[in-house]
PDB file of N, CA and C in Angstrom:
ATOM      1  N   MET A   1      55.484 120.424  70.625  1.00  0.00           N
ATOM      2  CA  MET A   1      55.861 120.382  72.001  1.00  0.00           C
ATOM      3  C   MET A   1      57.229 119.848  72.156  1.00  0.00           C
ATOM      4  N   ARG A   2      57.479 118.708  71.421  1.00  0.00           N
ATOM      5  CA  ARG A   2      58.806 118.112  71.526  1.00  0.00           C
ATOM      6  C   ARG A   2      59.908 119.131  71.185  1.00  0.00           C
ATOM      7  N   ASP A   3      59.768 119.955  70.221  1.00  0.00           N
ATOM      8  CA  ASP A   3      60.825 120.916  69.787  1.00  0.00           C
ATOM      9  C   ASP A   3      61.079 121.910  70.934  1.00  0.00           C
ATOM     10  N   TRP A   4      60.004 122.149  71.771  1.00  0.00           N
ATOM     11  CA  TRP A   4      60.266 123.024  72.872  1.00  0.00           C
ATOM     12  C   TRP A   4      61.173 122.395  73.953  1.00  0.00           C
ATOM     13  N   PHE A   5      60.997 121.113  74.074  1.00  0.00           N
ATOM     14  CA  PHE A   5      61.896 120.314  75.117  1.00  0.00           C
ATOM     15  C   PHE A   5      63.344 120.345  74.585  1.00  0.00           C
ATOM     16  N   ALA A   6      63.478 120.204  73.276  1.00  0.00           N
ATOM     17  CA  ALA A   6      64.713 120.195  72.762  1.00  0.00           C
ATOM     18  C   ALA A   6      65.477 121.471  72.977  1.00  0.00           C
ATOM     19  N   VAL A   7      64.715 122.578  72.774  1.00  0.00           N
ATOM     20  CA  VAL A   7      65.279 123.953  72.957  1.00  0.00           C
ATOM     21  C   VAL A   7      65.709 124.057  74.504  1.00  0.00           C
ATOM     22  N   VAL A   8      64.818 123.692  75.414  1.00  0.00           N
ATOM     23  CA  VAL A   8      65.087 123.817  76.837  1.00  0.00           C
ATOM     24  C   VAL A   8      66.288 122.927  77.231  1.00  0.00           C
ATOM     25  N   PHE A   9      66.388 121.708  76.807  1.00  0.00           N
ATOM     26  CA  PHE A   9      67.448 120.836  77.282  1.00  0.00           C
ATOM     27  C   PHE A   9      68.714 120.938  76.485  1.00  0.00           C
ATOM     28  N   TRP A  10      68.612 121.416  75.305  1.00  0.00           N
ATOM     29  CA  TRP A  10      69.846 121.580  74.421  1.00  0.00           C
ATOM     30  C   TRP A  10      70.480 122.821  74.644  1.00  0.00           C
ATOM     31  N   GLY A  11      71.097 122.994  75.860  1.00  0.00           N
ATOM     32  CA  GLY A  11      71.759 124.228  76.136  1.00  0.00           C
ATOM     33  C   GLY A  11      73.239 124.128  76.150  1.00  0.00           C
ATOM     34  N   ARG A  12      73.995 124.986  76.760  1.00  0.00           N
ATOM     35  CA  ARG A  12      75.463 125.004  76.648  1.00  0.00           C
ATOM     36  C   ARG A  12      75.970 123.898  77.420  1.00  0.00           C
ATOM     37  N   GLY A  13      75.264 123.173  78.295  1.00  0.00           N
ATOM     38  CA  GLY A  13      75.840 122.080  79.142  1.00  0.00           C
ATOM     39  C   GLY A  13      76.207 120.922  78.368  1.00  0.00           C
ATOM     40  N   ILE A  14      75.390 120.623  77.378  1.00  0.00           N
ATOM     41  CA  ILE A  14      75.657 119.462  76.537  1.00  0.00           C
ATOM     42  C   ILE A  14      76.900 119.635  75.702  1.00  0.00           C
ATOM     43  N   ASP A  15      77.047 120.835  75.305  1.00  0.00           N
ATOM     44  CA  ASP A  15      78.346 121.080  74.465  1.00  0.00           C
ATOM     45  C   ASP A  15      79.451 121.031  75.387  1.00  0.00           C
ATOM     46  N   LEU A  16      79.364 121.443  76.596  1.00  0.00           N
ATOM     47  CA  LEU A  16      80.484 121.363  77.569  1.00  0.00           C
ATOM     48  C   LEU A  16      80.807 119.924  77.883  1.00  0.00           C
ATOM     49  N   ILE A  17      79.826 119.009  78.041  1.00  0.00           N
ATOM     50  CA  ILE A  17      80.014 117.668  78.262  1.00  0.00           C
ATOM     51  C   ILE A  17      80.667 117.013  77.085  1.00  0.00           C
ATOM     52  N   ARG A  18      80.213 117.200  75.887  1.00  0.00           N
ATOM     53  CA  ARG A  18      80.917 116.691  74.713  1.00  0.00           C
ATOM     54  C   ARG A  18      82.365 117.067  74.634  1.00  0.00           C
ATOM     55  N   ASN A  19      82.642 118.378  74.762  1.00  0.00           N
ATOM     56  CA  ASN A  19      83.873 118.903  74.632  1.00  0.00           C
ATOM     57  C   ASN A  19      84.895 118.298  75.664  1.00  0.00           C
ATOM     58  N   ALA A  20      84.336 118.215  76.939  1.00  0.00           N
ATOM     59  CA  ALA A  20      85.197 117.604  77.995  1.00  0.00           C
ATOM     60  C   ALA A  20      85.605 116.205  77.646  1.00  0.00           C
ATOM     61  N   CYS A  21      84.657 115.368  77.158  1.00  0.00           N
ATOM     62  CA  CYS A  21      84.920 114.000  76.709  1.00  0.00           C
ATOM     63  C   CYS A  21      85.922 114.008  75.531  1.00  0.00           C
ATOM     64  N   LYS A  22      85.773 114.821  74.634  1.00  0.00           N
ATOM     65  CA  LYS A  22      86.659 114.841  73.512  1.00  0.00           C
ATOM     66  C   LYS A  22      88.110 115.227  73.937  1.00  0.00           C
ATOM     67  N   GLU A  23      88.190 116.198  74.835  1.00  0.00           N
ATOM     68  CA  GLU A  23      89.489 116.651  75.296  1.00  0.00           C
ATOM     69  C   GLU A  23      90.189 115.532  76.127  1.00  0.00           C
ATOM     70  N   SER A  24      89.485 114.843  76.809  1.00  0.00           N
ATOM     71  CA  SER A  24      90.050 113.719  77.687  1.00  0.00           C
ATOM     72  C   SER A  24      90.317 112.434  76.968  1.00  0.00           C
ATOM     73  N   GLY A  25      89.890 112.424  75.675  1.00  0.00           N
ATOM     74  CA  GLY A  25      90.078 111.176  74.951  1.00  0.00           C
ATOM     75  C   GLY A  25      89.092 110.083  75.152  1.00  0.00           C
ATOM     76  N   SER A  26      87.924 110.396  75.814  1.00  0.00           N
ATOM     77  CA  SER A  26      86.875 109.599  76.038  1.00  0.00           C
ATOM     78  C   SER A  26      85.884 109.492  74.963  1.00  0.00           C
ATOM     79  N   PRO A  27      85.201 108.385  74.836  1.00  0.00           N
ATOM     80  CA  PRO A  27      84.146 108.325  73.783  1.00  0.00           C
ATOM     81  C   PRO A  27      83.048 109.467  74.125  1.00  0.00           C
ATOM     82  N   ALA A  28      82.393 109.911  73.025  1.00  0.00           N
ATOM     83  CA  ALA A  28      81.262 110.921  73.198  1.00  0.00           C
ATOM     84  C   ALA A  28      80.105 110.224  73.900  1.00  0.00           C
ATOM     85  N   PRO A  29      79.434 110.958  74.845  1.00  0.00           N
ATOM     86  CA  PRO A  29      78.285 110.402  75.477  1.00  0.00           C
ATOM     87  C   PRO A  29      77.159 110.292  74.454  1.00  0.00           C
ATOM     88  N   LEU A  30      76.235 109.351  74.914  1.00  0.00           N
ATOM     89  CA  LEU A  30      75.044 109.119  74.072  1.00  0.00           C
ATOM     90  C   LEU A  30      73.874 109.821  74.772  1.00  0.00           C
ATOM     91  N   PHE A  31      73.025 110.579  74.027  1.00  0.00           N
ATOM     92  CA  PHE A  31      71.920 111.245  74.581  1.00  0.00           C
ATOM     93  C   PHE A  31      70.737 110.667  73.941  1.00  0.00           C
ATOM     94  N   ARG A  32      69.614 110.507  74.792  1.00  0.00           N
ATOM     95  CA  ARG A  32      68.330 109.997  74.324  1.00  0.00           C
ATOM     96  C   ARG A  32      67.285 110.415  75.116  1.00  0.00           C
ATOM     97  N   TRP A  33      66.065 110.580  74.551  1.00  0.00           N
ATOM     98  CA  TRP A  33      64.904 110.961  75.204  1.00  0.00           C
ATOM     99  C   TRP A  33      63.905 109.855  75.391  1.00  0.00           C
ATOM    100  N   ASP A  34      63.583 109.613  76.588  1.00  0.00           N
ATOM    101  CA  ASP A  34      62.642 108.582  77.030  1.00  0.00           C
ATOM    102  C   ASP A  34      61.856 109.070  78.141  1.00  0.00           C
ATOM    103  N   ASN A  35      60.898 110.048  77.977  1.00  0.00           N
ATOM    104  CA  ASN A  35      60.126 110.757  79.046  1.00  0.00           C
ATOM    105  C   ASN A  35      61.066 111.665  79.916  1.00  0.00           C
ATOM    106  N   CYS A  36      62.336 111.579  79.724  1.00  0.00           N
ATOM    107  CA  CYS A  36      63.316 112.512  80.286  1.00  0.00           C
ATOM    108  C   CYS A  36      64.607 112.244  79.418  1.00  0.00           C
ATOM    109  N   LEU A  37      65.540 113.174  79.724  1.00  0.00           N
ATOM    110  CA  LEU A  37      66.794 113.096  78.987  1.00  0.00           C
ATOM    111  C   LEU A  37      67.760 112.182  79.650  1.00  0.00           C
ATOM    112  N   TRP A  38      68.280 111.238  78.884  1.00  0.00           N
ATOM    113  CA  TRP A  38      69.220 110.115  79.448  1.00  0.00           C
ATOM    114  C   TRP A  38      70.609 110.435  78.771  1.00  0.00           C
ATOM    115  N   VAL A  39      71.609 110.400  79.669  1.00  0.00           N
ATOM    116  CA  VAL A  39      72.942 110.607  79.136  1.00  0.00           C
ATOM    117  C   VAL A  39      73.738 109.394  79.508  1.00  0.00           C
ATOM    118  N   GLU A  40      74.240 108.721  78.582  1.00  0.00           N
ATOM    119  CA  GLU A  40      75.087 107.475  78.823  1.00  0.00           C
ATOM    120  C   GLU A  40      76.484 107.781  78.448  1.00  0.00           C
ATOM    121  N   PHE A  41      77.336 107.460  79.421  1.00  0.00           N
ATOM    122  CA  PHE A  41      78.876 107.561  79.145  1.00  0.00           C
ATOM    123  C   PHE A  41      79.433 106.215  79.021  1.00  0.00           C
ATOM    124  N   PRO A  42      79.832 105.823  77.825  1.00  0.00           N
ATOM    125  CA  PRO A  42      80.467 104.611  77.596  1.00  0.00           C
ATOM    126  C   PRO A  42      81.975 104.583  78.158  1.00  0.00           C
ATOM    127  N   PHE A  43      82.270 103.608  78.897  1.00  0.00           N
ATOM    128  CA  PHE A  43      83.605 103.564  79.495  1.00  0.00           C
ATOM    129  C   PHE A  43      84.381 102.405  78.897  1.00  0.00           C
ATOM    130  N   PRO A  44      85.666 102.504  78.723  1.00  0.00           N
ATOM    131  CA  PRO A  44      86.484 101.515  78.209  1.00  0.00           C
ATOM    132  C   PRO A  44      86.547 100.358  79.214  1.00  0.00           C
ATOM    133  N   ALA A  45      86.988  99.219  78.584  1.00  0.00           N
ATOM    134  CA  ALA A  45      87.043  98.100  79.459  1.00  0.00           C
ATOM    135  C   ALA A  45      88.056  98.186  80.553  1.00  0.00           C
ATOM    136  N   GLU A  46      87.893  97.655  81.765  1.00  0.00           N
ATOM    137  CA  GLU A  46      88.813  97.809  82.763  1.00  0.00           C
ATOM    138  C   GLU A  46      90.066  96.964  82.460  1.00  0.00           C
ATOM    139  N   PRO A  47      91.272  97.484  82.945  1.00  0.00           N
ATOM    140  CA  PRO A  47      92.512  96.729  82.727  1.00  0.00           C
ATOM    141  C   PRO A  47      92.461  95.396  83.456  1.00  0.00           C
ATOM    142  N   LYS A  48      93.072  94.443  82.886  1.00  0.00           N
ATOM    143  CA  LYS A  48      93.088  93.115  83.571  1.00  0.00           C
ATOM    144  C   LYS A  48      93.898  93.202  84.838  1.00  0.00           C
ATOM    145  N   LYS A  49      93.436  92.621  85.889  1.00  0.00           N
ATOM    146  CA  LYS A  49      94.298  92.561  87.119  1.00  0.00           C
ATOM    147  C   LYS A  49      94.822  91.254  87.277  1.00  0.00           C
ATOM    148  N   GLU A  50      96.080  91.178  87.728  1.00  0.00           N
ATOM    149  CA  GLU A  50      96.743  90.005  87.882  1.00  0.00           C
ATOM    150  C   GLU A  50      97.542  90.039  89.256  1.00  0.00           C
ATOM    151  N   THR A  51      97.416  88.809  89.899  1.00  0.00           N
ATOM    152  CA  THR A  51      98.037  88.716  91.241  1.00  0.00           C
ATOM    153  C   THR A  51      99.447  87.926  91.100  1.00  0.00           C
ATOM    154  N   ILE A  52     100.567  88.740  91.353  1.00  0.00           N
ATOM    155  CA  ILE A  52     101.873  88.223  91.247  1.00  0.00           C
ATOM    156  C   ILE A  52     102.653  88.506  92.528  1.00  0.00           C
ATOM    157  N   GLY A  53     103.203  87.573  93.153  1.00  0.00           N
ATOM    158  CA  GLY A  53     103.880  87.734  94.405  1.00  0.00           C
ATOM    159  C   GLY A  53     103.047  88.347  95.561  1.00  0.00           C
ATOM    160  N   GLY A  54     101.817  88.037  95.534  1.00  0.00           N
ATOM    161  CA  GLY A  54     100.902  88.525  96.653  1.00  0.00           C
ATOM    162  C   GLY A  54     100.405  89.769  96.397  1.00  0.00           C
ATOM    163  N   THR A  55     100.755  90.543  95.377  1.00  0.00           N
ATOM    164  CA  THR A  55     100.154  91.859  95.205  1.00  0.00           C
ATOM    165  C   THR A  55      99.361  91.865  93.839  1.00  0.00           C
ATOM    166  N   THR A  56      98.240  92.545  93.772  1.00  0.00           N
ATOM    167  CA  THR A  56      97.352  92.719  92.640  1.00  0.00           C
ATOM    168  C   THR A  56      97.848  93.939  91.789  1.00  0.00           C
ATOM    169  N   GLN A  57      98.108  93.852  90.616  1.00  0.00           N
ATOM    170  CA  GLN A  57      98.699  94.817  89.725  1.00  0.00           C
ATOM    171  C   GLN A  57      97.771  94.800  88.493  1.00  0.00           C
ATOM    172  N   GLU A  58      97.554  96.037  87.832  1.00  0.00           N
ATOM    173  CA  GLU A  58      96.880  96.159  86.579  1.00  0.00           C
ATOM    174  C   GLU A  58      98.012  95.928  85.517  1.00  0.00           C
ATOM    175  N   THR A  59      97.715  95.038  84.622  1.00  0.00           N
ATOM    176  CA  THR A  59      98.605  94.774  83.556  1.00  0.00           C
ATOM    177  C   THR A  59      98.095  95.123  82.226  1.00  0.00           C
ATOM    178  N   SER A  60      98.809  95.539  81.245  1.00  0.00           N
ATOM    179  CA  SER A  60      98.385  95.901  79.939  1.00  0.00           C
ATOM    180  C   SER A  60      98.817  94.844  79.008  1.00  0.00           C
ATOM    181  N   VAL A  61      97.920  94.314  78.221  1.00  0.00           N
ATOM    182  CA  VAL A  61      98.154  93.334  77.258  1.00  0.00           C
ATOM    183  C   VAL A  61      98.987  93.954  76.095  1.00  0.00           C
ATOM    184  N   GLN A  62      98.822  95.210  75.794  1.00  0.00           N
ATOM    185  CA  GLN A  62      99.576  95.944  74.814  1.00  0.00           C
ATOM    186  C   GLN A  62     101.086  95.908  75.224  1.00  0.00           C
ATOM    187  N   THR A  63     101.354  96.258  76.440  1.00  0.00           N
ATOM    188  CA  THR A  63     102.749  96.331  76.947  1.00  0.00           C
ATOM    189  C   THR A  63     103.365  94.931  76.790  1.00  0.00           C
ATOM    190  N   SER A  64     102.658  93.808  77.122  1.00  0.00           N
ATOM    191  CA  SER A  64     103.267  92.472  77.015  1.00  0.00           C
ATOM    192  C   SER A  64     103.521  92.159  75.535  1.00  0.00           C
ATOM    193  N   VAL A  65     102.711  92.548  74.668  1.00  0.00           N
ATOM    194  CA  VAL A  65     102.972  92.248  73.211  1.00  0.00           C
ATOM    195  C   VAL A  65     104.135  93.038  72.799  1.00  0.00           C
ATOM    196  N   GLN A  66     104.234  94.317  73.166  1.00  0.00           N
ATOM    197  CA  GLN A  66     105.420  95.166  72.795  1.00  0.00           C
ATOM    198  C   GLN A  66     106.626  94.610  73.330  1.00  0.00           C
ATOM    199  N   ILE A  67     106.647  94.103  74.604  1.00  0.00           N
ATOM    200  CA  ILE A  67     107.913  93.418  75.128  1.00  0.00           C
ATOM    201  C   ILE A  67     108.315  92.257  74.225  1.00  0.00           C
ATOM    202  N   LEU A  68     107.316  91.379  74.008  1.00  0.00           N
ATOM    203  CA  LEU A  68     107.673  90.193  73.151  1.00  0.00           C
ATOM    204  C   LEU A  68     108.244  90.532  71.794  1.00  0.00           C
ATOM    205  N   GLN A  69     107.665  91.565  71.183  1.00  0.00           N
ATOM    206  CA  GLN A  69     108.231  92.025  69.946  1.00  0.00           C
ATOM    207  C   GLN A  69     109.598  92.475  69.946  1.00  0.00           C
ATOM    208  N   MET A  70     109.847  93.405  71.000  1.00  0.00           N
ATOM    209  CA  MET A  70     111.178  93.958  71.152  1.00  0.00           C
ATOM    210  C   MET A  70     112.235  92.901  71.557  1.00  0.00           C
ATOM    211  N   LEU A  71     111.879  91.975  72.349  1.00  0.00           N
ATOM    212  CA  LEU A  71     112.829  90.968  72.730  1.00  0.00           C
ATOM    213  C   LEU A  71     113.089  89.944  71.565  1.00  0.00           C
ATOM    214  N   GLN A  72     112.078  89.745  70.779  1.00  0.00           N
ATOM    215  CA  GLN A  72     112.306  88.867  69.600  1.00  0.00           C
ATOM    216  C   GLN A  72     113.367  89.451  68.630  1.00  0.00           C
ATOM    217  N   ALA A  73     113.370  90.813  68.515  1.00  0.00           N
ATOM    218  CA  ALA A  73     114.258  91.398  67.686  1.00  0.00           C
ATOM    219  C   ALA A  73     115.699  91.595  68.284  1.00  0.00           C
ATOM    220  N   THR A  74     115.625  91.903  69.666  1.00  0.00           N
ATOM    221  CA  THR A  74     116.937  92.072  70.350  1.00  0.00           C
ATOM    222  C   THR A  74     116.831  91.277  71.707  1.00  0.00           C
ATOM    223  N   PRO A  75     117.220  89.962  71.729  1.00  0.00           N
ATOM    224  CA  PRO A  75     117.023  89.067  72.919  1.00  0.00           C
ATOM    225  C   PRO A  75     117.845  89.474  74.123  1.00  0.00           C
ATOM    226  N   ASP A  76     118.913  90.368  73.888  1.00  0.00           N
ATOM    227  CA  ASP A  76     119.813  90.734  74.968  1.00  0.00           C
ATOM    228  C   ASP A  76     119.492  92.071  75.677  1.00  0.00           C
ATOM    229  N   MET A  77     118.348  92.512  75.376  1.00  0.00           N
ATOM    230  CA  MET A  77     117.955  93.870  75.958  1.00  0.00           C
ATOM    231  C   MET A  77     117.654  93.618  77.567  1.00  0.00           C
ATOM    232  N   THR A  78     118.048  94.642  78.283  1.00  0.00           N
ATOM    233  CA  THR A  78     117.783  94.568  79.724  1.00  0.00           C
ATOM    234  C   THR A  78     116.383  95.102  79.965  1.00  0.00           C
ATOM    235  N   MET A  79     115.858  94.920  81.200  1.00  0.00           N
ATOM    236  CA  MET A  79     114.492  95.465  81.543  1.00  0.00           C
ATOM    237  C   MET A  79     114.545  96.954  81.555  1.00  0.00           C
ATOM    238  N   ALA A  80     115.728  97.540  81.974  1.00  0.00           N
ATOM    239  CA  ALA A  80     115.832  98.999  81.968  1.00  0.00           C
ATOM    240  C   ALA A  80     115.809  99.508  80.530  1.00  0.00           C
ATOM    241  N   ASP A  81     116.405  98.804  79.542  1.00  0.00           N
ATOM    242  CA  ASP A  81     116.268  99.322  78.154  1.00  0.00           C
ATOM    243  C   ASP A  81     114.838  99.156  77.688  1.00  0.00           C
ATOM    244  N   LEU A  82     114.220  98.143  78.011  1.00  0.00           N
ATOM    245  CA  LEU A  82     112.746  97.945  77.644  1.00  0.00           C
ATOM    246  C   LEU A  82     112.016  99.035  78.194  1.00  0.00           C
ATOM    247  N   ALA A  83     112.167  99.382  79.507  1.00  0.00           N
ATOM    248  CA  ALA A  83     111.380 100.528  80.015  1.00  0.00           C
ATOM    249  C   ALA A  83     111.581 101.801  79.387  1.00  0.00           C
ATOM    250  N   ALA A  84     112.867 102.011  79.011  1.00  0.00           N
ATOM    251  CA  ALA A  84     113.172 103.335  78.442  1.00  0.00           C
ATOM    252  C   ALA A  84     112.501 103.368  77.012  1.00  0.00           C
ATOM    253  N   GLN A  85     112.559 102.286  76.285  1.00  0.00           N
ATOM    254  CA  GLN A  85     112.114 102.272  74.909  1.00  0.00           C
ATOM    255  C   GLN A  85     110.551 102.356  74.897  1.00  0.00           C
ATOM    256  N   LEU A  86     109.854 101.751  75.869  1.00  0.00           N
ATOM    257  CA  LEU A  86     108.459 101.721  75.947  1.00  0.00           C
ATOM    258  C   LEU A  86     107.826 102.987  76.653  1.00  0.00           C
ATOM    259  N   GLY A  87     108.703 103.695  77.457  1.00  0.00           N
ATOM    260  CA  GLY A  87     108.210 104.774  78.154  1.00  0.00           C
ATOM    261  C   GLY A  87     107.436 104.423  79.300  1.00  0.00           C
ATOM    262  N   LYS A  88     107.826 103.198  79.918  1.00  0.00           N
ATOM    263  CA  LYS A  88     107.202 102.740  81.129  1.00  0.00           C
ATOM    264  C   LYS A  88     108.080 102.739  82.249  1.00  0.00           C
ATOM    265  N   THR A  89     107.659 102.591  83.420  1.00  0.00           N
ATOM    266  CA  THR A  89     108.542 102.485  84.616  1.00  0.00           C
ATOM    267  C   THR A  89     109.235 101.110  84.661  1.00  0.00           C
ATOM    268  N   LEU A  90     110.346 101.062  85.305  1.00  0.00           N
ATOM    269  CA  LEU A  90     111.066  99.753  85.421  1.00  0.00           C
ATOM    270  C   LEU A  90     110.180  98.682  86.015  1.00  0.00           C
ATOM    271  N   ARG A  91     109.424  99.179  87.125  1.00  0.00           N
ATOM    272  CA  ARG A  91     108.516  98.251  87.783  1.00  0.00           C
ATOM    273  C   ARG A  91     107.495  97.687  86.921  1.00  0.00           C
ATOM    274  N   ALA A  92     106.860  98.497  86.083  1.00  0.00           N
ATOM    275  CA  ALA A  92     105.823  98.026  85.108  1.00  0.00           C
ATOM    276  C   ALA A  92     106.361  96.945  84.242  1.00  0.00           C
ATOM    277  N   VAL A  93     107.553  97.111  83.697  1.00  0.00           N
ATOM    278  CA  VAL A  93     108.194  96.190  82.773  1.00  0.00           C
ATOM    279  C   VAL A  93     108.532  94.895  83.493  1.00  0.00           C
ATOM    280  N   GLU A  94     109.045  95.035  84.900  1.00  0.00           N
ATOM    281  CA  GLU A  94     109.301  93.717  85.602  1.00  0.00           C
ATOM    282  C   GLU A  94     108.019  93.053  85.789  1.00  0.00           C
ATOM    283  N   MET A  95     106.951  93.711  86.139  1.00  0.00           N
ATOM    284  CA  MET A  95     105.617  93.055  86.382  1.00  0.00           C
ATOM    285  C   MET A  95     105.183  92.282  85.097  1.00  0.00           C
ATOM    286  N   ALA A  96     105.278  92.993  83.905  1.00  0.00           N
ATOM    287  CA  ALA A  96     104.949  92.379  82.688  1.00  0.00           C
ATOM    288  C   ALA A  96     105.733  91.197  82.242  1.00  0.00           C
ATOM    289  N   CYS A  97     107.006  91.300  82.467  1.00  0.00           N
ATOM    290  CA  CYS A  97     107.971  90.180  82.227  1.00  0.00           C
ATOM    291  C   CYS A  97     107.676  89.003  83.148  1.00  0.00           C
ATOM    292  N   ALA A  98     107.344  89.333  84.419  1.00  0.00           N
ATOM    293  CA  ALA A  98     107.015  88.287  85.316  1.00  0.00           C
ATOM    294  C   ALA A  98     105.761  87.538  84.929  1.00  0.00           C
ATOM    295  N   LYS A  99     104.789  88.300  84.428  1.00  0.00           N
ATOM    296  CA  LYS A  99     103.495  87.720  83.899  1.00  0.00           C
ATOM    297  C   LYS A  99     103.681  86.793  82.645  1.00  0.00           C
ATOM    298  N   LEU A 100     104.684  87.348  81.764  1.00  0.00           N
ATOM    299  CA  LEU A 100     105.044  86.446  80.555  1.00  0.00           C
ATOM    300  C   LEU A 100     105.749  85.206  80.943  1.00  0.00           C
ATOM    301  N   THR A 101     106.673  85.377  81.959  1.00  0.00           N
ATOM    302  CA  THR A 101     107.400  84.207  82.374  1.00  0.00           C
ATOM    303  C   THR A 101     106.400  83.178  83.088  1.00  0.00           C
ATOM    304  N   LYS A 102     105.498  83.748  83.933  1.00  0.00           N
ATOM    305  CA  LYS A 102     104.519  82.822  84.539  1.00  0.00           C
ATOM    306  C   LYS A 102     103.608  82.145  83.557  1.00  0.00           C
ATOM    307  N   ASN A 103     103.224  82.736  82.507  1.00  0.00           N
ATOM    308  CA  ASN A 103     102.383  82.185  81.407  1.00  0.00           C
ATOM    309  C   ASN A 103     103.098  81.393  80.408  1.00  0.00           C
ATOM    310  N   GLY A 104     104.437  81.161  80.640  1.00  0.00           N
ATOM    311  CA  GLY A 104     105.232  80.308  79.754  1.00  0.00           C
ATOM    312  C   GLY A 104     105.523  80.866  78.399  1.00  0.00           C
ATOM    313  N   LYS A 105     105.506  82.179  78.247  1.00  0.00           N
ATOM    314  CA  LYS A 105     105.849  82.782  76.960  1.00  0.00           C
ATOM    315  C   LYS A 105     107.195  83.355  76.860  1.00  0.00           C
ATOM    316  N   LEU A 106     107.929  83.471  77.991  1.00  0.00           N
ATOM    317  CA  LEU A 106     109.201  84.103  77.975  1.00  0.00           C
ATOM    318  C   LEU A 106     110.118  83.437  79.121  1.00  0.00           C
ATOM    319  N   ARG A 107     111.406  83.365  78.866  1.00  0.00           N
ATOM    320  CA  ARG A 107     112.208  83.000  79.948  1.00  0.00           C
ATOM    321  C   ARG A 107     113.603  83.585  79.717  1.00  0.00           C
ATOM    322  N   ILE A 108     114.408  83.714  80.840  1.00  0.00           N
ATOM    323  CA  ILE A 108     115.671  84.263  80.690  1.00  0.00           C
ATOM    324  C   ILE A 108     116.692  83.012  80.743  1.00  0.00           C
ATOM    325  N   VAL A 109     117.635  83.084  79.752  1.00  0.00           N
ATOM    326  CA  VAL A 109     118.655  81.977  79.610  1.00  0.00           C
ATOM    327  C   VAL A 109     120.002  82.631  80.143  1.00  0.00           C
ATOM    328  N   GLY A 110     120.690  81.949  81.062  1.00  0.00           N
ATOM    329  CA  GLY A 110     121.899  82.367  81.589  1.00  0.00           C
ATOM    330  C   GLY A 110     121.753  83.250  82.785  1.00  0.00           C
ATOM    331  N   PRO A 111     122.802  83.927  83.195  1.00  0.00           N
ATOM    332  CA  PRO A 111     122.773  84.807  84.382  1.00  0.00           C
ATOM    333  C   PRO A 111     121.830  85.927  84.155  1.00  0.00           C
ATOM    334  N   ARG A 112     121.282  86.529  85.181  1.00  0.00           N
ATOM    335  CA  ARG A 112     120.368  87.675  85.122  1.00  0.00           C
ATOM    336  C   ARG A 112     121.266  88.823  84.461  1.00  0.00           C
ATOM    337  N   LYS A 113     122.529  88.958  84.865  1.00  0.00           N
ATOM    338  CA  LYS A 113     123.315  90.024  84.227  1.00  0.00           C
ATOM    339  C   LYS A 113     124.160  89.215  83.102  1.00  0.00           C
ATOM    340  N   GLY A 114     123.955  89.616  81.847  1.00  0.00           N
ATOM    341  CA  GLY A 114     124.692  89.021  80.759  1.00  0.00           C
ATOM    342  C   GLY A 114     123.905  87.930  80.138  1.00  0.00           C
ATOM    343  N   GLY A 115     122.815  87.467  80.692  1.00  0.00           N
ATOM    344  CA  GLY A 115     121.981  86.557  79.966  1.00  0.00           C
ATOM    345  C   GLY A 115     121.183  87.132  78.836  1.00  0.00           C
ATOM    346  N   HIS A 116     120.305  86.343  78.260  1.00  0.00           N
ATOM    347  CA  HIS A 116     119.462  86.866  77.199  1.00  0.00           C
ATOM    348  C   HIS A 116     118.001  86.177  77.355  1.00  0.00           C
ATOM    349  N   TRP A 117     117.014  86.732  76.664  1.00  0.00           N
ATOM    350  CA  TRP A 117     115.631  86.328  76.738  1.00  0.00           C
ATOM    351  C   TRP A 117     115.412  85.368  75.705  1.00  0.00           C
ATOM    352  N   GLU A 118     114.458  84.427  75.905  1.00  0.00           N
ATOM    353  CA  GLU A 118     114.136  83.332  74.884  1.00  0.00           C
ATOM    354  C   GLU A 118     112.594  83.380  74.917  1.00  0.00           C
ATOM    355  N   MET A 119     112.061  83.457  73.735  1.00  0.00           N
ATOM    356  CA  MET A 119     110.561  83.319  73.555  1.00  0.00           C
ATOM    357  C   MET A 119     110.148  81.900  73.563  1.00  0.00           C
ATOM    358  N   LEU A 120     109.149  81.535  74.182  1.00  0.00           N
ATOM    359  CA  LEU A 120     108.545  80.215  74.139  1.00  0.00           C
ATOM    360  C   LEU A 120     107.214  80.180  73.558  1.00  0.00           C
ATOM    361  N   LYS A 121     106.733  79.185  72.991  1.00  0.00           N
ATOM    362  CA  LYS A 121     105.462  79.101  72.286  1.00  0.00           C
ATOM    363  C   LYS A 121     105.279  80.108  71.168  1.00  0.00           C
TER     364      LYS A 121
END
């Protein structure tokens, strides 16, 4: 009898769900039978939200790490250069640099134009 349920529920829809998840880069759903068919969709962790200047923004830890690595190699890079190299918007880089500055990991030495970045800690 259980084989009959598998035939009934294992139709084209499950393949479509798996393919859609694969195409979007999401993890594959988990299927289980517990008196009915359960489908569980694992979701990635939510991005960390940070409040800077009265606005809440999503920040990426990976972006912050990449910025620190790039500035360690070339401390006189501008935010526009960072944005272009990372493929991010200027605003995203500004927010990430503000977060790094607030957390005491980065500071600018000298004037904003012509100055350079210094890593702290």
